[in-house]
Amino acid sequence: MSDHASRERGGSRAPLDADAQAQEIMVDWKEALIERLDEMGDLVKQFGLSARILIESDPEKYKDLLLGDCQTLEETVEALKAKLKG
């Protein structure tokens, strides 16, 4: 029986490898960042981009808006403006 079949049947599961863990973390921060930008609503629309399209187009570019030093919505908006200009 292959490892894949064993896992599907509830067999012992191997721990996630580093790539799988990194992918899981990426999905988590991406969803959190999309949620944060969705909260901006009209502010994001002023740039002619929806938050979801913005993040999905280049998630690495916008990752620091969530993980960085932005504590308030205003700081996040300013960081977003800087990213869009740069």
C-alpha atoms as a PDB file:
ATOM      1  CA  MET A   1       0.000   0.000   0.000  1.00  0.00           C
ATOM      2  CA  SER A   2       1.380   3.412  -0.894  1.00  0.00           C
ATOM      3  CA  ASP A   3       1.861   6.178   1.669  1.00  0.00           C
ATOM      4  CA  HIS A   4      -0.870   8.178  -0.045  1.00  0.00           C
ATOM      5  CA  ALA A   5      -3.402   5.346   0.222  1.00  0.00           C
ATOM      6  CA  SER A   6      -2.400   4.727   3.832  1.00  0.00           C
ATOM      7  CA  ARG A   7      -3.032   8.381   4.723  1.00  0.00           C
ATOM      8  CA  GLU A   8      -6.400   8.386   2.989  1.00  0.00           C
ATOM      9  CA  ARG A   9      -7.457   5.403   5.054  1.00  0.00           C
ATOM     10  CA  GLY A  10      -6.474   7.101   8.305  1.00  0.00           C
ATOM     11  CA  GLY A  11      -3.086   5.421   8.597  1.00  0.00           C
ATOM     12  CA  SER A  12      -0.150   7.086  10.235  1.00  0.00           C
ATOM     13  CA  ARG A  13       0.498  10.496   8.778  1.00  0.00           C
ATOM     14  CA  ALA A  14       3.948  11.785   8.139  1.00  0.00           C
ATOM     15  CA  PRO A  15       4.686  15.204   9.639  1.00  0.00           C
ATOM     16  CA  LEU A  16       4.354  18.074   7.193  1.00  0.00           C
ATOM     17  CA  ASP A  17       7.550  18.769   5.349  1.00  0.00           C
ATOM     18  CA  ALA A  18       9.003  22.284   5.341  1.00  0.00           C
ATOM     19  CA  ASP A  19       7.415  23.170   1.987  1.00  0.00           C
ATOM     20  CA  ALA A  20       3.963  22.106   3.156  1.00  0.00           C
ATOM     21  CA  GLN A  21       4.359  24.082   6.389  1.00  0.00           C
ATOM     22  CA  ALA A  22       5.488  27.161   4.468  1.00  0.00           C
ATOM     23  CA  GLN A  23       2.517  26.824   2.109  1.00  0.00           C
ATOM     24  CA  GLU A  24       0.123  26.576   5.057  1.00  0.00           C
ATOM     25  CA  ILE A  25       1.595  29.702   6.651  1.00  0.00           C
ATOM     26  CA  MET A  26       1.396  31.540   3.314  1.00  0.00           C
ATOM     27  CA  VAL A  27      -2.299  30.710   2.982  1.00  0.00           C
ATOM     28  CA  ASP A  28      -2.955  31.914   6.548  1.00  0.00           C
ATOM     29  CA  TRP A  29      -1.266  35.310   6.151  1.00  0.00           C
ATOM     30  CA  LYS A  30      -2.689  35.779   2.670  1.00  0.00           C
ATOM     31  CA  GLU A  31      -6.232  35.239   3.957  1.00  0.00           C
ATOM     32  CA  ALA A  32      -5.612  37.557   6.910  1.00  0.00           C
ATOM     33  CA  LEU A  33      -4.202  40.251   4.640  1.00  0.00           C
ATOM     34  CA  ILE A  34      -7.114  39.960   2.215  1.00  0.00           C
ATOM     35  CA  GLU A  35      -9.490  40.294   5.168  1.00  0.00           C
ATOM     36  CA  ARG A  36      -7.634  43.374   6.419  1.00  0.00           C
ATOM     37  CA  LEU A  37      -7.695  45.010   2.992  1.00  0.00           C
ATOM     38  CA  ASP A  38     -11.359  44.075   2.531  1.00  0.00           C
ATOM     39  CA  GLU A  39     -12.014  46.126   5.671  1.00  0.00           C
ATOM     40  CA  MET A  40     -10.640  49.141   3.795  1.00  0.00           C
ATOM     41  CA  GLY A  41     -13.354  48.708   1.169  1.00  0.00           C
ATOM     42  CA  ASP A  42     -13.705  52.023  -0.621  1.00  0.00           C
ATOM     43  CA  LEU A  43     -10.116  53.061   0.059  1.00  0.00           C
ATOM     44  CA  VAL A  44      -8.823  50.124  -1.958  1.00  0.00           C
ATOM     45  CA  LYS A  45     -11.404  50.780  -4.675  1.00  0.00           C
ATOM     46  CA  GLN A  46     -10.017  54.307  -5.088  1.00  0.00           C
ATOM     47  CA  PHE A  47      -6.961  52.665  -6.627  1.00  0.00           C
ATOM     48  CA  GLY A  48      -9.133  50.729  -9.080  1.00  0.00           C
ATOM     49  CA  LEU A  49      -8.164  47.353  -7.603  1.00  0.00           C
ATOM     50  CA  SER A  50     -10.073  44.970  -5.398  1.00  0.00           C
ATOM     51  CA  ALA A  51      -8.164  43.746  -2.358  1.00  0.00           C
ATOM     52  CA  ARG A  52      -8.372  40.133  -3.474  1.00  0.00           C
ATOM     53  CA  ILE A  53      -6.963  40.806  -6.951  1.00  0.00           C
ATOM     54  CA  LEU A  54      -4.270  43.017  -5.453  1.00  0.00           C
ATOM     55  CA  ILE A  55      -3.008  40.353  -3.067  1.00  0.00           C
ATOM     56  CA  GLU A  56      -3.369  37.443  -5.453  1.00  0.00           C
ATOM     57  CA  SER A  57      -1.488  39.283  -8.192  1.00  0.00           C
ATOM     58  CA  ASP A  58       1.696  39.530  -6.124  1.00  0.00           C
ATOM     59  CA  PRO A  59       1.269  38.260  -2.557  1.00  0.00           C
ATOM     60  CA  GLU A  60       4.940  38.569  -1.613  1.00  0.00           C
ATOM     61  CA  LYS A  61       4.862  42.286  -2.427  1.00  0.00           C
ATOM     62  CA  TYR A  62       2.030  42.964   0.036  1.00  0.00           C
ATOM     63  CA  LYS A  63       2.962  40.480   2.769  1.00  0.00           C
ATOM     64  CA  ASP A  64       4.606  43.134   4.941  1.00  0.00           C
ATOM     65  CA  LEU A  65       1.364  45.124   5.157  1.00  0.00           C
ATOM     66  CA  LEU A  66       0.141  42.394   7.469  1.00  0.00           C
ATOM     67  CA  LEU A  67       3.390  41.278   9.044  1.00  0.00           C
ATOM     68  CA  GLY A  68       5.007  44.715   9.264  1.00  0.00           C
ATOM     69  CA  ASP A  69       4.618  47.609  11.649  1.00  0.00           C
ATOM     70  CA  CYS A  70       1.174  48.809  10.550  1.00  0.00           C
ATOM     71  CA  GLN A  71      -0.898  49.081  13.712  1.00  0.00           C
ATOM     72  CA  THR A  72      -3.794  51.163  12.452  1.00  0.00           C
ATOM     73  CA  LEU A  73      -5.950  51.211   9.354  1.00  0.00           C
ATOM     74  CA  GLU A  74      -4.449  54.578   8.406  1.00  0.00           C
ATOM     75  CA  GLU A  75      -0.902  53.201   8.578  1.00  0.00           C
ATOM     76  CA  THR A  76      -1.976  50.245   6.457  1.00  0.00           C
ATOM     77  CA  VAL A  77      -3.548  52.565   3.870  1.00  0.00           C
ATOM     78  CA  GLU A  78      -0.381  54.656   3.700  1.00  0.00           C
ATOM     79  CA  ALA A  79       1.718  51.505   3.280  1.00  0.00           C
ATOM     80  CA  LEU A  80      -0.648  50.334   0.531  1.00  0.00           C
ATOM     81  CA  LYS A  81      -0.349  53.676  -1.259  1.00  0.00           C
ATOM     82  CA  ALA A  82       3.443  53.453  -1.092  1.00  0.00           C
ATOM     83  CA  LYS A  83       3.385  49.916  -2.508  1.00  0.00           C
ATOM     84  CA  LEU A  84       1.114  50.940  -5.365  1.00  0.00           C
ATOM     85  CA  LYS A  85       3.370  53.868  -6.264  1.00  0.00           C
ATOM     86  CA  GLY A  86       6.562  51.811  -6.001  1.00  0.00           C
END
